[in-house]
């Protein structure tokens, strides 16, 4: 017995002509991705300790932290800090120092900061200390970029084997555009870019790939089912047929990530905000970027491949 759902995000049997807006979608995506590339170089990403190197200390004061007093305490001891910022609670502060050439230099820098705080801010104590050398941070940055590159190549190979090459090219180009927009989002929001953000971008890539495979699967099924339907109409039909599933999945993941972004604290909120942005971008790009690229690449070729199946029947009808 089939039970109809009580709530649907969109009505059944919608006939929205998404491909009418294909040029606008591609134009907006190109503008946003170009702006994101510019933002990547200037002002650049707010690189975390994983990629920039240095020393990060979490300091907890007895009451609400006085940032001016902390900066004055460091300046009074001639300690060149690279940033003092709030971390979570009003009494928690992150102090960032530059990379030290040796482990002994790192220990000396931490000892100087501790002495400066004890002298000027009674009750302040260092909760944790993280240190990454310059060579290690450069290697981590290379490995992070390598992970993104390998993931894109593997996605292309997977889709190429599962579908035709037009699908693979459309998906990978769209995913690259999604990644550039995520990087632009990080540059604008100044969320710290570290290994956690690399994991967030890889997660967004996986989610976005799944969303595009759902749409592409329906397009391939309809190519076999409607052998004479123009590809533009067929893609519109396929998107409409998968719209409830696409929006339902996106809404579920979005609502699950929203509390983490709002109340998850400094350690997880950045990951969640990138996820929220990636869900919106990945869902919209499946409709307005991946589908138009598929239409552009396959408008003639995909239909020529499907046409021969209908030719023998026509000949039999005219020549009994």
C-alpha atoms as a PDB file:
ATOM      1  CA  UNK A   1       0.000   0.000   0.000  1.00  0.00           C
ATOM      2  CA  UNK A   2       1.442   3.374  -1.084  1.00  0.00           C
ATOM      3  CA  UNK A   3       1.177   6.163   1.496  1.00  0.00           C
ATOM      4  CA  UNK A   4       1.412   9.685   0.169  1.00  0.00           C
ATOM      5  CA  UNK A   5       3.611  12.019   2.203  1.00  0.00           C
ATOM      6  CA  UNK A   6       1.760  14.700   4.127  1.00  0.00           C
ATOM      7  CA  UNK A   7       4.283  17.385   3.241  1.00  0.00           C
ATOM      8  CA  UNK A   8       6.197  18.021   0.045  1.00  0.00           C
ATOM      9  CA  UNK A   9       8.548  20.920  -0.571  1.00  0.00           C
ATOM     10  CA  UNK A  10       7.251  21.337  -4.128  1.00  0.00           C
ATOM     11  CA  UNK A  11       4.025  20.072  -5.735  1.00  0.00           C
ATOM     12  CA  UNK A  12       4.044  16.866  -7.747  1.00  0.00           C
ATOM     13  CA  UNK A  13       4.273  17.034 -11.531  1.00  0.00           C
ATOM     14  CA  UNK A  14       5.904  20.460 -11.687  1.00  0.00           C
ATOM     15  CA  UNK A  15       6.846  21.690 -15.154  1.00  0.00           C
ATOM     16  CA  UNK A  16       9.340  24.443 -14.380  1.00  0.00           C
ATOM     17  CA  UNK A  17      11.436  25.363 -17.414  1.00  0.00           C
ATOM     18  CA  UNK A  18      14.814  25.623 -15.720  1.00  0.00           C
ATOM     19  CA  UNK A  19      16.792  25.724 -18.964  1.00  0.00           C
ATOM     20  CA  UNK A  20      15.288  29.093 -19.822  1.00  0.00           C
ATOM     21  CA  UNK A  21      17.597  30.562 -17.193  1.00  0.00           C
ATOM     22  CA  UNK A  22      20.673  28.575 -18.220  1.00  0.00           C
ATOM     23  CA  UNK A  23      22.607  31.553 -19.592  1.00  0.00           C
ATOM     24  CA  UNK A  24      21.871  33.678 -16.538  1.00  0.00           C
ATOM     25  CA  UNK A  25      22.923  30.822 -14.255  1.00  0.00           C
ATOM     26  CA  UNK A  26      26.209  30.336 -16.093  1.00  0.00           C
ATOM     27  CA  UNK A  27      26.874  34.095 -16.120  1.00  0.00           C
ATOM     28  CA  UNK A  28      26.229  34.517 -12.385  1.00  0.00           C
ATOM     29  CA  UNK A  29      28.379  31.481 -11.612  1.00  0.00           C
ATOM     30  CA  UNK A  30      31.238  32.811 -13.761  1.00  0.00           C
ATOM     31  CA  UNK A  31      31.091  36.206 -12.036  1.00  0.00           C
ATOM     32  CA  UNK A  32      31.065  34.688  -8.535  1.00  0.00           C
ATOM     33  CA  UNK A  33      33.896  32.270  -9.329  1.00  0.00           C
ATOM     34  CA  UNK A  34      36.014  35.018 -10.904  1.00  0.00           C
ATOM     35  CA  UNK A  35      35.449  37.230  -7.859  1.00  0.00           C
ATOM     36  CA  UNK A  36      36.396  34.299  -5.616  1.00  0.00           C
ATOM     37  CA  UNK A  37      39.689  33.812  -7.471  1.00  0.00           C
ATOM     38  CA  UNK A  38      40.461  37.521  -7.060  1.00  0.00           C
ATOM     39  CA  UNK A  39      39.655  37.314  -3.333  1.00  0.00           C
ATOM     40  CA  UNK A  40      41.942  34.278  -3.029  1.00  0.00           C
ATOM     41  CA  UNK A  41      44.912  36.453  -4.061  1.00  0.00           C
ATOM     42  CA  UNK A  42      43.739  39.643  -2.347  1.00  0.00           C
ATOM     43  CA  UNK A  43      43.100  39.863   0.533  1.00  0.00           C
ATOM     44  CA  UNK A  44      43.729  36.098   0.563  1.00  0.00           C
ATOM     45  CA  UNK A  45      42.659  33.424   2.989  1.00  0.00           C
ATOM     46  CA  UNK A  46      42.922  33.710   6.742  1.00  0.00           C
ATOM     47  CA  UNK A  47      45.363  30.840   7.024  1.00  0.00           C
ATOM     48  CA  UNK A  48      45.355  28.920  10.266  1.00  0.00           C
ATOM     49  CA  UNK A  49      48.369  27.607  12.072  1.00  0.00           C
ATOM     50  CA  UNK A  50      48.279  24.400   9.981  1.00  0.00           C
ATOM     51  CA  UNK A  51      49.220  26.338   6.836  1.00  0.00           C
ATOM     52  CA  UNK A  52      50.866  29.546   8.047  1.00  0.00           C
ATOM     53  CA  UNK A  53      53.006  28.051  10.811  1.00  0.00           C
ATOM     54  CA  UNK A  54      53.565  29.652  14.186  1.00  0.00           C
ATOM     55  CA  UNK A  55      52.413  29.288  17.774  1.00  0.00           C
ATOM     56  CA  UNK A  56      48.836  29.553  19.008  1.00  0.00           C
ATOM     57  CA  UNK A  57      48.088  29.782  22.725  1.00  0.00           C
ATOM     58  CA  UNK A  58      44.667  29.649  24.337  1.00  0.00           C
ATOM     59  CA  UNK A  59      44.626  31.870  27.407  1.00  0.00           C
ATOM     60  CA  UNK A  60      41.870  32.007  30.021  1.00  0.00           C
ATOM     61  CA  UNK A  61      41.413  35.012  32.286  1.00  0.00           C
ATOM     62  CA  UNK A  62      39.504  35.153  35.573  1.00  0.00           C
ATOM     63  CA  UNK A  63      36.910  37.570  34.186  1.00  0.00           C
ATOM     64  CA  UNK A  64      36.004  38.922  30.730  1.00  0.00           C
ATOM     65  CA  UNK A  65      39.185  39.312  28.727  1.00  0.00           C
ATOM     66  CA  UNK A  66      40.551  42.817  28.202  1.00  0.00           C
ATOM     67  CA  UNK A  67      42.178  42.653  24.761  1.00  0.00           C
ATOM     68  CA  UNK A  68      43.823  46.054  25.079  1.00  0.00           C
ATOM     69  CA  UNK A  69      45.443  45.032  28.348  1.00  0.00           C
ATOM     70  CA  UNK A  70      46.681  41.754  26.842  1.00  0.00           C
ATOM     71  CA  UNK A  71      48.199  43.525  23.826  1.00  0.00           C
ATOM     72  CA  UNK A  72      49.849  46.061  26.117  1.00  0.00           C
ATOM     73  CA  UNK A  73      51.306  43.275  28.264  1.00  0.00           C
ATOM     74  CA  UNK A  74      52.838  41.616  25.203  1.00  0.00           C
ATOM     75  CA  UNK A  75      54.115  44.904  23.783  1.00  0.00           C
ATOM     76  CA  UNK A  76      55.668  45.801  27.159  1.00  0.00           C
ATOM     77  CA  UNK A  77      57.811  42.663  26.959  1.00  0.00           C
ATOM     78  CA  UNK A  78      58.600  43.251  23.249  1.00  0.00           C
ATOM     79  CA  UNK A  79      56.721  40.127  22.149  1.00  0.00           C
ATOM     80  CA  UNK A  80      55.631  40.528  18.487  1.00  0.00           C
ATOM     81  CA  UNK A  81      52.190  38.923  18.314  1.00  0.00           C
ATOM     82  CA  UNK A  82      50.323  38.257  15.038  1.00  0.00           C
ATOM     83  CA  UNK A  83      46.875  38.500  16.545  1.00  0.00           C
ATOM     84  CA  UNK A  84      44.845  38.451  19.740  1.00  0.00           C
ATOM     85  CA  UNK A  85      41.249  37.309  19.354  1.00  0.00           C
ATOM     86  CA  UNK A  86      38.338  35.951  21.307  1.00  0.00           C
ATOM     87  CA  UNK A  87      37.875  32.186  21.329  1.00  0.00           C
ATOM     88  CA  UNK A  88      34.489  30.906  22.469  1.00  0.00           C
ATOM     89  CA  UNK A  89      33.795  32.190  25.993  1.00  0.00           C
ATOM     90  CA  UNK A  90      34.344  35.843  26.942  1.00  0.00           C
ATOM     91  CA  UNK A  91      37.241  34.806  29.164  1.00  0.00           C
ATOM     92  CA  UNK A  92      39.044  32.751  26.474  1.00  0.00           C
ATOM     93  CA  UNK A  93      41.594  34.391  24.182  1.00  0.00           C
ATOM     94  CA  UNK A  94      43.796  33.112  21.355  1.00  0.00           C
ATOM     95  CA  UNK A  95      47.276  34.624  21.076  1.00  0.00           C
ATOM     96  CA  UNK A  96      49.100  33.943  17.819  1.00  0.00           C
ATOM     97  CA  UNK A  97      52.862  34.259  17.433  1.00  0.00           C
ATOM     98  CA  UNK A  98      55.071  33.839  14.403  1.00  0.00           C
ATOM     99  CA  UNK A  99      56.824  30.584  13.546  1.00  0.00           C
ATOM    100  CA  UNK A 100      59.935  29.886  15.621  1.00  0.00           C
ATOM    101  CA  UNK A 101      63.046  28.392  13.994  1.00  0.00           C
ATOM    102  CA  UNK A 102      63.587  25.719  16.664  1.00  0.00           C
ATOM    103  CA  UNK A 103      61.658  23.867  19.351  1.00  0.00           C
ATOM    104  CA  UNK A 104      63.722  25.648  21.983  1.00  0.00           C
ATOM    105  CA  UNK A 105      62.692  28.976  20.452  1.00  0.00           C
ATOM    106  CA  UNK A 106      59.040  27.949  20.689  1.00  0.00           C
ATOM    107  CA  UNK A 107      59.421  27.064  24.361  1.00  0.00           C
ATOM    108  CA  UNK A 108      61.122  30.377  25.047  1.00  0.00           C
ATOM    109  CA  UNK A 109      58.348  32.312  23.273  1.00  0.00           C
ATOM    110  CA  UNK A 110      55.677  30.535  25.321  1.00  0.00           C
ATOM    111  CA  UNK A 111      57.600  31.205  28.540  1.00  0.00           C
ATOM    112  CA  UNK A 112      57.884  34.931  27.685  1.00  0.00           C
ATOM    113  CA  UNK A 113      54.141  35.162  27.018  1.00  0.00           C
ATOM    114  CA  UNK A 114      53.356  33.379  30.280  1.00  0.00           C
ATOM    115  CA  UNK A 115      55.623  35.719  32.220  1.00  0.00           C
ATOM    116  CA  UNK A 116      54.104  38.808  30.572  1.00  0.00           C
ATOM    117  CA  UNK A 117      50.560  37.692  31.356  1.00  0.00           C
ATOM    118  CA  UNK A 118      51.344  36.758  34.974  1.00  0.00           C
ATOM    119  CA  UNK A 119      52.984  40.136  35.474  1.00  0.00           C
ATOM    120  CA  UNK A 120      50.186  42.293  34.010  1.00  0.00           C
ATOM    121  CA  UNK A 121      47.042  40.132  34.269  1.00  0.00           C
ATOM    122  CA  UNK A 122      46.838  38.203  37.562  1.00  0.00           C
ATOM    123  CA  UNK A 123      44.949  34.928  37.264  1.00  0.00           C
ATOM    124  CA  UNK A 124      45.508  34.500  33.526  1.00  0.00           C
ATOM    125  CA  UNK A 125      46.722  31.053  32.564  1.00  0.00           C
ATOM    126  CA  UNK A 126      47.639  29.257  29.346  1.00  0.00           C
ATOM    127  CA  UNK A 127      45.210  26.382  28.635  1.00  0.00           C
ATOM    128  CA  UNK A 128      46.874  24.913  25.564  1.00  0.00           C
ATOM    129  CA  UNK A 129      49.681  25.596  23.114  1.00  0.00           C
ATOM    130  CA  UNK A 130      49.885  24.501  19.451  1.00  0.00           C
ATOM    131  CA  UNK A 131      53.018  24.996  17.372  1.00  0.00           C
ATOM    132  CA  UNK A 132      53.714  24.207  13.705  1.00  0.00           C
ATOM    133  CA  UNK A 133      56.997  24.903  11.949  1.00  0.00           C
ATOM    134  CA  UNK A 134      57.236  26.708   8.613  1.00  0.00           C
ATOM    135  CA  UNK A 135      58.378  23.621   6.679  1.00  0.00           C
ATOM    136  CA  UNK A 136      55.623  21.459   8.174  1.00  0.00           C
ATOM    137  CA  UNK A 137      52.936  24.053   7.371  1.00  0.00           C
ATOM    138  CA  UNK A 138      54.092  24.286   3.741  1.00  0.00           C
ATOM    139  CA  UNK A 139      53.937  20.499   3.441  1.00  0.00           C
ATOM    140  CA  UNK A 140      50.454  20.408   4.954  1.00  0.00           C
ATOM    141  CA  UNK A 141      49.302  23.077   2.481  1.00  0.00           C
ATOM    142  CA  UNK A 142      50.648  21.066  -0.470  1.00  0.00           C
ATOM    143  CA  UNK A 143      48.999  17.903   0.808  1.00  0.00           C
ATOM    144  CA  UNK A 144      45.688  19.723   1.269  1.00  0.00           C
ATOM    145  CA  UNK A 145      45.726  20.973  -2.325  1.00  0.00           C
ATOM    146  CA  UNK A 146      46.775  17.510  -3.497  1.00  0.00           C
ATOM    147  CA  UNK A 147      43.804  15.957  -1.692  1.00  0.00           C
ATOM    148  CA  UNK A 148      41.420  18.369  -3.438  1.00  0.00           C
ATOM    149  CA  UNK A 149      42.986  17.676  -6.829  1.00  0.00           C
ATOM    150  CA  UNK A 150      42.912  13.889  -6.445  1.00  0.00           C
ATOM    151  CA  UNK A 151      39.290  13.984  -5.315  1.00  0.00           C
ATOM    152  CA  UNK A 152      38.272  15.922  -8.442  1.00  0.00           C
ATOM    153  CA  UNK A 153      40.133  13.467 -10.689  1.00  0.00           C
ATOM    154  CA  UNK A 154      38.534  10.456  -9.004  1.00  0.00           C
ATOM    155  CA  UNK A 155      35.075  12.019  -9.289  1.00  0.00           C
ATOM    156  CA  UNK A 156      35.616  12.588 -13.006  1.00  0.00           C
ATOM    157  CA  UNK A 157      36.792   9.006 -13.512  1.00  0.00           C
ATOM    158  CA  UNK A 158      33.794   7.642 -11.592  1.00  0.00           C
ATOM    159  CA  UNK A 159      31.239   9.674 -13.523  1.00  0.00           C
ATOM    160  CA  UNK A 160      33.007   8.970 -16.830  1.00  0.00           C
ATOM    161  CA  UNK A 161      32.676   5.222 -16.283  1.00  0.00           C
ATOM    162  CA  UNK A 162      29.114   5.473 -15.014  1.00  0.00           C
ATOM    163  CA  UNK A 163      27.864   7.934 -17.634  1.00  0.00           C
ATOM    164  CA  UNK A 164      29.047   9.396 -20.942  1.00  0.00           C
ATOM    165  CA  UNK A 165      31.933  11.848 -21.135  1.00  0.00           C
ATOM    166  CA  UNK A 166      29.562  14.808 -21.451  1.00  0.00           C
ATOM    167  CA  UNK A 167      28.235  14.051 -17.971  1.00  0.00           C
ATOM    168  CA  UNK A 168      31.746  13.760 -16.530  1.00  0.00           C
ATOM    169  CA  UNK A 169      32.942  17.052 -17.988  1.00  0.00           C
ATOM    170  CA  UNK A 170      29.785  18.853 -16.852  1.00  0.00           C
ATOM    171  CA  UNK A 171      30.086  17.506 -13.303  1.00  0.00           C
ATOM    172  CA  UNK A 172      33.806  18.252 -12.859  1.00  0.00           C
ATOM    173  CA  UNK A 173      33.559  21.779 -14.294  1.00  0.00           C
ATOM    174  CA  UNK A 174      30.634  22.469 -11.951  1.00  0.00           C
ATOM    175  CA  UNK A 175      32.496  21.047  -8.949  1.00  0.00           C
ATOM    176  CA  UNK A 176      35.530  23.226  -9.703  1.00  0.00           C
ATOM    177  CA  UNK A 177      33.235  26.252  -9.767  1.00  0.00           C
ATOM    178  CA  UNK A 178      31.709  25.111  -6.462  1.00  0.00           C
ATOM    179  CA  UNK A 179      35.169  24.874  -4.886  1.00  0.00           C
ATOM    180  CA  UNK A 180      36.156  28.363  -6.049  1.00  0.00           C
ATOM    181  CA  UNK A 181      32.964  29.785  -4.540  1.00  0.00           C
ATOM    182  CA  UNK A 182      33.692  28.024  -1.233  1.00  0.00           C
ATOM    183  CA  UNK A 183      37.173  29.559  -1.218  1.00  0.00           C
ATOM    184  CA  UNK A 184      35.648  32.969  -1.933  1.00  0.00           C
ATOM    185  CA  UNK A 185      33.266  32.435   0.984  1.00  0.00           C
ATOM    186  CA  UNK A 186      36.223  31.710   3.277  1.00  0.00           C
ATOM    187  CA  UNK A 187      38.030  34.813   2.031  1.00  0.00           C
ATOM    188  CA  UNK A 188      35.014  37.063   2.657  1.00  0.00           C
ATOM    189  CA  UNK A 189      34.048  35.670   6.059  1.00  0.00           C
ATOM    190  CA  UNK A 190      37.679  35.386   7.242  1.00  0.00           C
ATOM    191  CA  UNK A 191      37.002  31.954   8.680  1.00  0.00           C
ATOM    192  CA  UNK A 192      40.322  30.394   9.544  1.00  0.00           C
ATOM    193  CA  UNK A 193      41.529  28.184   6.702  1.00  0.00           C
ATOM    194  CA  UNK A 194      43.148  25.054   8.091  1.00  0.00           C
ATOM    195  CA  UNK A 195      42.952  21.290   7.657  1.00  0.00           C
ATOM    196  CA  UNK A 196      39.425  21.303   9.063  1.00  0.00           C
ATOM    197  CA  UNK A 197      38.347  23.592   6.205  1.00  0.00           C
ATOM    198  CA  UNK A 198      39.967  21.251   3.688  1.00  0.00           C
ATOM    199  CA  UNK A 199      37.840  18.463   5.170  1.00  0.00           C
ATOM    200  CA  UNK A 200      34.774  20.724   4.908  1.00  0.00           C
ATOM    201  CA  UNK A 201      35.432  21.434   1.215  1.00  0.00           C
ATOM    202  CA  UNK A 202      35.938  17.714   0.521  1.00  0.00           C
ATOM    203  CA  UNK A 203      32.640  17.003   2.302  1.00  0.00           C
ATOM    204  CA  UNK A 204      30.898  19.619   0.163  1.00  0.00           C
ATOM    205  CA  UNK A 205      32.409  18.019  -2.949  1.00  0.00           C
ATOM    206  CA  UNK A 206      31.029  14.626  -1.947  1.00  0.00           C
ATOM    207  CA  UNK A 207      27.572  16.016  -1.232  1.00  0.00           C
ATOM    208  CA  UNK A 208      27.502  18.043  -4.451  1.00  0.00           C
ATOM    209  CA  UNK A 209      28.620  15.006  -6.488  1.00  0.00           C
ATOM    210  CA  UNK A 210      25.820  12.896  -5.039  1.00  0.00           C
ATOM    211  CA  UNK A 211      23.298  15.593  -5.938  1.00  0.00           C
ATOM    212  CA  UNK A 212      24.507  15.748  -9.529  1.00  0.00           C
ATOM    213  CA  UNK A 213      24.515  11.959  -9.898  1.00  0.00           C
ATOM    214  CA  UNK A 214      20.827  11.902  -8.873  1.00  0.00           C
ATOM    215  CA  UNK A 215      19.921  14.368 -11.619  1.00  0.00           C
ATOM    216  CA  UNK A 216      22.187  12.711 -14.193  1.00  0.00           C
ATOM    217  CA  UNK A 217      20.717   9.289 -13.438  1.00  0.00           C
ATOM    218  CA  UNK A 218      17.234  10.565 -14.220  1.00  0.00           C
ATOM    219  CA  UNK A 219      18.476  12.251 -17.417  1.00  0.00           C
ATOM    220  CA  UNK A 220      20.002   8.965 -18.586  1.00  0.00           C
ATOM    221  CA  UNK A 221      16.812   7.045 -17.802  1.00  0.00           C
ATOM    222  CA  UNK A 222      14.722   9.567 -19.712  1.00  0.00           C
ATOM    223  CA  UNK A 223      17.098   9.451 -22.672  1.00  0.00           C
ATOM    224  CA  UNK A 224      16.145   5.792 -23.057  1.00  0.00           C
ATOM    225  CA  UNK A 225      12.469   6.377 -22.298  1.00  0.00           C
ATOM    226  CA  UNK A 226      11.798   9.428 -24.490  1.00  0.00           C
ATOM    227  CA  UNK A 227      13.852   8.853 -27.608  1.00  0.00           C
ATOM    228  CA  UNK A 228      12.426  11.754 -29.624  1.00  0.00           C
ATOM    229  CA  UNK A 229      12.053  14.409 -26.911  1.00  0.00           C
ATOM    230  CA  UNK A 230      14.415  17.381 -27.395  1.00  0.00           C
ATOM    231  CA  UNK A 231      17.271  17.313 -24.905  1.00  0.00           C
ATOM    232  CA  UNK A 232      16.354  20.703 -23.451  1.00  0.00           C
ATOM    233  CA  UNK A 233      12.844  19.522 -22.578  1.00  0.00           C
ATOM    234  CA  UNK A 234      14.177  16.206 -21.340  1.00  0.00           C
ATOM    235  CA  UNK A 235      16.611  17.881 -18.910  1.00  0.00           C
ATOM    236  CA  UNK A 236      13.813  20.127 -17.610  1.00  0.00           C
ATOM    237  CA  UNK A 237      11.641  17.049 -17.094  1.00  0.00           C
ATOM    238  CA  UNK A 238      14.423  15.203 -15.273  1.00  0.00           C
ATOM    239  CA  UNK A 239      15.118  18.099 -12.905  1.00  0.00           C
ATOM    240  CA  UNK A 240      11.409  18.448 -12.113  1.00  0.00           C
ATOM    241  CA  UNK A 241      11.117  14.724 -11.415  1.00  0.00           C
ATOM    242  CA  UNK A 242      14.034  14.798  -8.950  1.00  0.00           C
ATOM    243  CA  UNK A 243      13.247  18.208  -7.455  1.00  0.00           C
ATOM    244  CA  UNK A 244      11.506  16.902  -4.332  1.00  0.00           C
ATOM    245  CA  UNK A 245      14.307  14.477  -3.586  1.00  0.00           C
ATOM    246  CA  UNK A 246      17.009  17.087  -4.225  1.00  0.00           C
ATOM    247  CA  UNK A 247      15.413  19.781  -2.083  1.00  0.00           C
ATOM    248  CA  UNK A 248      14.405  17.307   0.624  1.00  0.00           C
ATOM    249  CA  UNK A 249      17.950  15.979   1.008  1.00  0.00           C
ATOM    250  CA  UNK A 250      19.418  19.478   0.942  1.00  0.00           C
ATOM    251  CA  UNK A 251      16.960  20.763   3.537  1.00  0.00           C
ATOM    252  CA  UNK A 252      17.683  17.827   5.841  1.00  0.00           C
ATOM    253  CA  UNK A 253      21.449  18.355   5.757  1.00  0.00           C
ATOM    254  CA  UNK A 254      21.011  22.132   6.034  1.00  0.00           C
ATOM    255  CA  UNK A 255      18.830  21.895   9.146  1.00  0.00           C
ATOM    256  CA  UNK A 256      21.241  19.376  10.692  1.00  0.00           C
ATOM    257  CA  UNK A 257      24.218  21.712  10.124  1.00  0.00           C
ATOM    258  CA  UNK A 258      22.533  24.952  11.190  1.00  0.00           C
ATOM    259  CA  UNK A 259      22.633  24.308  14.991  1.00  0.00           C
ATOM    260  CA  UNK A 260      26.328  23.404  14.712  1.00  0.00           C
ATOM    261  CA  UNK A 261      27.016  26.710  12.957  1.00  0.00           C
ATOM    262  CA  UNK A 262      25.063  28.739  15.510  1.00  0.00           C
ATOM    263  CA  UNK A 263      25.926  26.952  18.759  1.00  0.00           C
ATOM    264  CA  UNK A 264      28.813  24.601  17.970  1.00  0.00           C
ATOM    265  CA  UNK A 265      31.564  26.855  19.258  1.00  0.00           C
ATOM    266  CA  UNK A 266      34.734  28.026  17.558  1.00  0.00           C
ATOM    267  CA  UNK A 267      36.078  24.533  16.975  1.00  0.00           C
ATOM    268  CA  UNK A 268      33.196  23.334  14.765  1.00  0.00           C
ATOM    269  CA  UNK A 269      31.230  26.413  13.674  1.00  0.00           C
ATOM    270  CA  UNK A 270      33.571  27.201  10.765  1.00  0.00           C
ATOM    271  CA  UNK A 271      33.144  23.691   9.370  1.00  0.00           C
ATOM    272  CA  UNK A 272      29.358  23.990   9.695  1.00  0.00           C
ATOM    273  CA  UNK A 273      29.175  27.408   7.985  1.00  0.00           C
ATOM    274  CA  UNK A 274      31.148  26.091   5.018  1.00  0.00           C
ATOM    275  CA  UNK A 275      28.790  23.118   4.889  1.00  0.00           C
ATOM    276  CA  UNK A 276      25.731  25.403   4.865  1.00  0.00           C
ATOM    277  CA  UNK A 277      27.204  27.494   2.067  1.00  0.00           C
ATOM    278  CA  UNK A 278      28.223  24.374   0.141  1.00  0.00           C
ATOM    279  CA  UNK A 279      24.741  22.859   0.398  1.00  0.00           C
ATOM    280  CA  UNK A 280      23.157  25.967  -1.142  1.00  0.00           C
ATOM    281  CA  UNK A 281      25.799  26.263  -3.866  1.00  0.00           C
ATOM    282  CA  UNK A 282      25.888  22.521  -4.625  1.00  0.00           C
ATOM    283  CA  UNK A 283      22.116  22.221  -4.928  1.00  0.00           C
ATOM    284  CA  UNK A 284      21.717  25.282  -7.140  1.00  0.00           C
ATOM    285  CA  UNK A 285      24.697  24.364  -9.327  1.00  0.00           C
ATOM    286  CA  UNK A 286      23.198  20.950 -10.104  1.00  0.00           C
ATOM    287  CA  UNK A 287      20.235  22.732 -11.705  1.00  0.00           C
ATOM    288  CA  UNK A 288      21.686  25.928 -13.140  1.00  0.00           C
ATOM    289  CA  UNK A 289      25.295  24.923 -13.954  1.00  0.00           C
ATOM    290  CA  UNK A 290      25.704  21.160 -14.418  1.00  0.00           C
ATOM    291  CA  UNK A 291      22.482  20.744 -16.423  1.00  0.00           C
ATOM    292  CA  UNK A 292      23.167  23.661 -18.834  1.00  0.00           C
ATOM    293  CA  UNK A 293      26.712  22.397 -19.454  1.00  0.00           C
ATOM    294  CA  UNK A 294      25.281  18.949 -20.237  1.00  0.00           C
ATOM    295  CA  UNK A 295      22.807  20.556 -22.635  1.00  0.00           C
ATOM    296  CA  UNK A 296      25.610  22.486 -24.325  1.00  0.00           C
ATOM    297  CA  UNK A 297      27.882  19.452 -24.740  1.00  0.00           C
ATOM    298  CA  UNK A 298      25.251  16.811 -25.542  1.00  0.00           C
ATOM    299  CA  UNK A 299      22.495  18.589 -27.457  1.00  0.00           C
ATOM    300  CA  UNK A 300      23.531  16.923 -30.727  1.00  0.00           C
ATOM    301  CA  UNK A 301      25.676  13.957 -29.687  1.00  0.00           C
ATOM    302  CA  UNK A 302      23.407  12.395 -27.048  1.00  0.00           C
ATOM    303  CA  UNK A 303      20.397  12.606 -29.344  1.00  0.00           C
ATOM    304  CA  UNK A 304      22.300  11.131 -32.324  1.00  0.00           C
ATOM    305  CA  UNK A 305      23.265   8.173 -30.178  1.00  0.00           C
ATOM    306  CA  UNK A 306      19.638   7.599 -29.183  1.00  0.00           C
ATOM    307  CA  UNK A 307      18.152   8.117 -32.653  1.00  0.00           C
ATOM    308  CA  UNK A 308      19.144   4.812 -34.387  1.00  0.00           C
ATOM    309  CA  UNK A 309      16.900   2.810 -32.041  1.00  0.00           C
ATOM    310  CA  UNK A 310      13.833   4.421 -33.633  1.00  0.00           C
ATOM    311  CA  UNK A 311      14.930   4.097 -37.279  1.00  0.00           C
ATOM    312  CA  UNK A 312      14.204   0.363 -37.889  1.00  0.00           C
ATOM    313  CA  UNK A 313      10.588   0.747 -36.743  1.00  0.00           C
ATOM    314  CA  UNK A 314      10.026   3.607 -39.153  1.00  0.00           C
ATOM    315  CA  UNK A 315      11.426   1.547 -42.060  1.00  0.00           C
ATOM    316  CA  UNK A 316       9.251  -1.436 -41.212  1.00  0.00           C
ATOM    317  CA  UNK A 317       6.168   0.766 -41.163  1.00  0.00           C
ATOM    318  CA  UNK A 318       6.835   2.255 -44.623  1.00  0.00           C
ATOM    319  CA  UNK A 319       8.009  -1.011 -46.231  1.00  0.00           C
ATOM    320  CA  UNK A 320       5.779  -3.866 -45.073  1.00  0.00           C
END
